Amino acid sequence: MPSLQELLEIALRYATAMADAMIVACYQKAHEVGVRLVRPKAGRSPRPSARGRDPRLPLQEEEELDWRRLMERNGDTRANHL
C-alpha cells in the first residue's frame, strides 16, 4: 500500500476532481493519524491545466508507471482478509 506521502505526490500531479479529492483525503488522514505531509518541490508536482488530459493521447511514461503501481497495489486484497 502506498504511503500517504506517495499518494499525495501522485495526486498533486493532476488537475482533476478525483485528484483534488485524493489531496483532501490525504491531508485529512494525515491529521487523524498524526503524520506530517510535505508538499514536493515544484519540479516534481506541476499540476497540468484544469482542463485535464486528453483521453485520446497516450499516457506519459511516469503516468503509466503511477497507474500500474496503483492498480497492482489496489488489486492485492490479501490485507483485507484476516
N, C-alpha and C. Protein backbone atom coordinates (compact mmCIF):
# COMPACT_ATOMS: atom_id res chain seq x y z
N MET A 1 0.85 -1.17 0.00
CA MET A 1 0.00 0.00 0.00
C MET A 1 0.89 1.24 0.00
N PRO A 2 0.64 2.17 -0.90
CA PRO A 2 1.44 3.39 -0.93
C PRO A 2 1.24 4.19 0.36
N SER A 3 2.26 4.91 0.76
CA SER A 3 2.14 5.76 1.94
C SER A 3 1.30 6.98 1.60
N LEU A 4 0.87 7.70 2.63
CA LEU A 4 0.11 8.93 2.40
C LEU A 4 0.93 9.93 1.60
N GLN A 5 2.22 10.00 1.87
CA GLN A 5 3.09 10.92 1.14
C GLN A 5 3.15 10.56 -0.34
N GLU A 6 3.26 9.26 -0.64
CA GLU A 6 3.29 8.83 -2.04
C GLU A 6 1.98 9.13 -2.75
N LEU A 7 0.86 8.88 -2.08
CA LEU A 7 -0.44 9.17 -2.67
C LEU A 7 -0.59 10.67 -2.92
N LEU A 8 -0.14 11.48 -1.97
CA LEU A 8 -0.22 12.93 -2.13
C LEU A 8 0.60 13.39 -3.33
N GLU A 9 1.82 12.87 -3.45
CA GLU A 9 2.69 13.27 -4.56
C GLU A 9 2.08 12.90 -5.90
N ILE A 10 1.45 11.75 -5.98
CA ILE A 10 0.81 11.34 -7.24
C ILE A 10 -0.38 12.24 -7.54
N ALA A 11 -1.22 12.48 -6.54
CA ALA A 11 -2.43 13.30 -6.76
C ALA A 11 -2.08 14.73 -7.13
N LEU A 12 -0.97 15.25 -6.60
CA LEU A 12 -0.58 16.62 -6.90
C LEU A 12 -0.16 16.81 -8.36
N ARG A 13 0.06 15.75 -9.07
CA ARG A 13 0.48 15.86 -10.47
C ARG A 13 -0.68 16.11 -11.42
N TYR A 14 -1.91 15.97 -10.93
CA TYR A 14 -3.07 16.02 -11.82
C TYR A 14 -4.05 17.10 -11.38
N ALA A 15 -4.75 17.67 -12.31
CA ALA A 15 -5.76 18.69 -12.03
C ALA A 15 -7.13 18.12 -12.40
N THR A 16 -7.58 17.16 -11.62
CA THR A 16 -8.88 16.55 -11.85
C THR A 16 -9.65 16.56 -10.53
N ALA A 17 -10.94 16.34 -10.61
CA ALA A 17 -11.75 16.28 -9.39
C ALA A 17 -11.31 15.14 -8.50
N MET A 18 -10.96 14.00 -9.11
CA MET A 18 -10.52 12.84 -8.33
C MET A 18 -9.20 13.15 -7.61
N ALA A 19 -8.29 13.82 -8.31
CA ALA A 19 -7.01 14.18 -7.69
C ALA A 19 -7.23 15.16 -6.54
N ASP A 20 -8.13 16.13 -6.74
CA ASP A 20 -8.43 17.08 -5.67
C ASP A 20 -8.99 16.37 -4.44
N ALA A 21 -9.89 15.41 -4.68
CA ALA A 21 -10.46 14.65 -3.56
C ALA A 21 -9.38 13.83 -2.86
N MET A 22 -8.45 13.27 -3.62
CA MET A 22 -7.37 12.48 -3.03
C MET A 22 -6.45 13.37 -2.18
N ILE A 23 -6.19 14.58 -2.64
CA ILE A 23 -5.35 15.51 -1.87
C ILE A 23 -6.00 15.82 -0.53
N VAL A 24 -7.29 16.15 -0.56
CA VAL A 24 -8.02 16.45 0.68
C VAL A 24 -8.03 15.23 1.60
N ALA A 25 -8.27 14.06 1.02
CA ALA A 25 -8.32 12.83 1.82
C ALA A 25 -6.96 12.53 2.46
N CYS A 26 -5.88 12.77 1.73
CA CYS A 26 -4.54 12.54 2.28
C CYS A 26 -4.28 13.44 3.48
N TYR A 27 -4.63 14.73 3.34
CA TYR A 27 -4.40 15.66 4.45
C TYR A 27 -5.31 15.33 5.64
N GLN A 28 -6.56 14.92 5.39
CA GLN A 28 -7.44 14.56 6.49
C GLN A 28 -6.91 13.33 7.23
N LYS A 29 -6.51 12.32 6.49
CA LYS A 29 -5.99 11.10 7.12
C LYS A 29 -4.69 11.38 7.88
N ALA A 30 -3.83 12.20 7.29
CA ALA A 30 -2.58 12.56 7.96
C ALA A 30 -2.86 13.27 9.28
N HIS A 31 -3.86 14.12 9.30
CA HIS A 31 -4.23 14.82 10.52
C HIS A 31 -4.75 13.83 11.56
N GLU A 32 -5.57 12.86 11.11
CA GLU A 32 -6.13 11.86 12.03
C GLU A 32 -5.05 11.01 12.69
N VAL A 33 -4.06 10.59 11.90
CA VAL A 33 -3.05 9.68 12.43
C VAL A 33 -1.79 10.39 12.90
N GLY A 34 -1.73 11.71 12.74
CA GLY A 34 -0.59 12.47 13.22
C GLY A 34 0.64 12.37 12.36
N VAL A 35 0.45 12.21 11.06
CA VAL A 35 1.57 12.13 10.12
C VAL A 35 1.75 13.50 9.47
N ARG A 36 2.99 13.92 9.30
CA ARG A 36 3.27 15.20 8.65
C ARG A 36 3.53 14.95 7.17
N LEU A 37 2.78 15.63 6.31
CA LEU A 37 2.98 15.53 4.87
C LEU A 37 3.77 16.73 4.39
N VAL A 38 4.64 16.48 3.42
CA VAL A 38 5.47 17.54 2.86
C VAL A 38 5.10 17.71 1.39
N ARG A 39 4.77 18.94 1.02
CA ARG A 39 4.47 19.19 -0.39
C ARG A 39 5.78 19.14 -1.17
N PRO A 40 5.82 18.34 -2.24
CA PRO A 40 7.06 18.20 -3.01
C PRO A 40 7.46 19.52 -3.67
N LYS A 41 8.71 19.61 -4.04
CA LYS A 41 9.21 20.80 -4.73
C LYS A 41 8.47 20.95 -6.06
N ALA A 42 8.46 22.15 -6.60
CA ALA A 42 7.71 22.46 -7.82
C ALA A 42 8.12 21.58 -9.00
N GLY A 43 9.35 21.17 -9.08
CA GLY A 43 9.80 20.36 -10.20
C GLY A 43 9.17 18.99 -10.23
N ARG A 44 8.69 18.52 -9.11
CA ARG A 44 8.13 17.17 -9.02
C ARG A 44 6.61 17.15 -9.18
N SER A 45 5.94 18.28 -8.94
CA SER A 45 4.49 18.22 -8.94
C SER A 45 3.80 19.35 -9.70
N PRO A 46 4.21 19.64 -10.91
CA PRO A 46 3.48 20.69 -11.63
C PRO A 46 2.13 20.15 -12.08
N ARG A 47 1.07 20.73 -11.57
CA ARG A 47 -0.27 20.26 -11.96
C ARG A 47 -0.60 20.79 -13.34
N PRO A 48 -1.11 19.95 -14.21
CA PRO A 48 -1.49 20.41 -15.54
C PRO A 48 -2.71 21.33 -15.47
N SER A 49 -3.12 21.85 -16.59
CA SER A 49 -4.26 22.76 -16.60
C SER A 49 -5.51 22.06 -16.09
N ALA A 50 -6.46 22.85 -15.65
CA ALA A 50 -7.69 22.30 -15.09
C ALA A 50 -8.51 21.54 -16.13
N ARG A 51 -8.24 21.75 -17.40
CA ARG A 51 -8.95 21.02 -18.44
C ARG A 51 -8.63 19.54 -18.39
N GLY A 52 -7.52 19.20 -17.81
CA GLY A 52 -7.16 17.79 -17.70
C GLY A 52 -6.49 17.27 -18.96
N ARG A 53 -6.27 15.99 -18.97
CA ARG A 53 -5.56 15.32 -20.05
C ARG A 53 -6.55 14.85 -21.10
N ASP A 54 -6.16 14.97 -22.36
CA ASP A 54 -6.99 14.48 -23.45
C ASP A 54 -6.93 12.96 -23.43
N PRO A 55 -8.07 12.27 -23.23
CA PRO A 55 -8.04 10.81 -23.11
C PRO A 55 -7.59 10.10 -24.39
N ARG A 56 -7.60 10.82 -25.50
CA ARG A 56 -7.16 10.20 -26.75
C ARG A 56 -5.64 10.13 -26.86
N LEU A 57 -4.95 10.90 -26.03
CA LEU A 57 -3.49 10.91 -26.07
C LEU A 57 -2.94 9.77 -25.22
N PRO A 58 -1.82 9.19 -25.61
CA PRO A 58 -1.23 8.12 -24.79
C PRO A 58 -0.71 8.67 -23.47
N LEU A 59 -0.70 7.82 -22.46
CA LEU A 59 -0.17 8.22 -21.16
C LEU A 59 1.32 8.45 -21.26
N GLN A 60 1.82 9.40 -20.51
CA GLN A 60 3.25 9.61 -20.42
C GLN A 60 3.85 8.48 -19.59
N GLU A 61 5.13 8.27 -19.73
CA GLU A 61 5.78 7.14 -19.06
C GLU A 61 5.57 7.19 -17.54
N GLU A 62 5.73 8.35 -16.93
CA GLU A 62 5.58 8.47 -15.48
C GLU A 62 4.12 8.21 -15.06
N GLU A 63 3.17 8.71 -15.85
CA GLU A 63 1.76 8.46 -15.55
C GLU A 63 1.45 6.97 -15.65
N GLU A 64 2.02 6.32 -16.66
CA GLU A 64 1.80 4.88 -16.85
C GLU A 64 2.32 4.09 -15.65
N LEU A 65 3.51 4.47 -15.16
CA LEU A 65 4.08 3.79 -14.00
C LEU A 65 3.23 4.01 -12.76
N ASP A 66 2.76 5.26 -12.55
CA ASP A 66 1.89 5.55 -11.41
C ASP A 66 0.63 4.72 -11.49
N TRP A 67 0.01 4.70 -12.65
CA TRP A 67 -1.25 3.97 -12.84
C TRP A 67 -1.04 2.47 -12.58
N ARG A 68 0.01 1.93 -13.16
CA ARG A 68 0.29 0.50 -12.98
C ARG A 68 0.52 0.17 -11.52
N ARG A 69 1.33 0.99 -10.83
CA ARG A 69 1.63 0.74 -9.42
C ARG A 69 0.37 0.80 -8.56
N LEU A 70 -0.48 1.80 -8.79
CA LEU A 70 -1.72 1.91 -8.03
C LEU A 70 -2.65 0.73 -8.30
N MET A 71 -2.76 0.34 -9.56
CA MET A 71 -3.65 -0.77 -9.90
C MET A 71 -3.16 -2.09 -9.30
N GLU A 72 -1.85 -2.33 -9.36
CA GLU A 72 -1.31 -3.57 -8.80
C GLU A 72 -1.50 -3.62 -7.29
N ARG A 73 -1.27 -2.51 -6.63
CA ARG A 73 -1.42 -2.49 -5.17
C ARG A 73 -2.88 -2.56 -4.77
N ASN A 74 -3.76 -1.92 -5.55
CA ASN A 74 -5.19 -1.98 -5.24
C ASN A 74 -5.76 -3.35 -5.52
N GLY A 75 -5.16 -4.10 -6.43
CA GLY A 75 -5.65 -5.43 -6.78
C GLY A 75 -5.31 -6.49 -5.75
N ASP A 76 -4.33 -6.20 -4.90
CA ASP A 76 -3.91 -7.16 -3.88
C ASP A 76 -4.81 -6.99 -2.66
N THR A 77 -5.72 -7.93 -2.47
CA THR A 77 -6.70 -7.82 -1.36
C THR A 77 -6.33 -8.67 -0.16
N ARG A 78 -5.14 -9.26 -0.15
CA ARG A 78 -4.77 -10.14 0.97
C ARG A 78 -4.83 -9.43 2.32
N ALA A 79 -4.50 -8.12 2.35
CA ALA A 79 -4.51 -7.39 3.61
C ALA A 79 -5.93 -7.20 4.14
N ASN A 80 -6.93 -7.34 3.29
CA ASN A 80 -8.31 -7.15 3.71
C ASN A 80 -8.90 -8.39 4.36
N HIS A 81 -8.21 -9.49 4.28
CA HIS A 81 -8.72 -10.76 4.82
C HIS A 81 -7.89 -11.17 6.02
N LEU A 82 -8.56 -11.51 7.09
CA LEU A 82 -7.83 -11.89 8.31
C LEU A 82 -7.60 -13.35 8.38
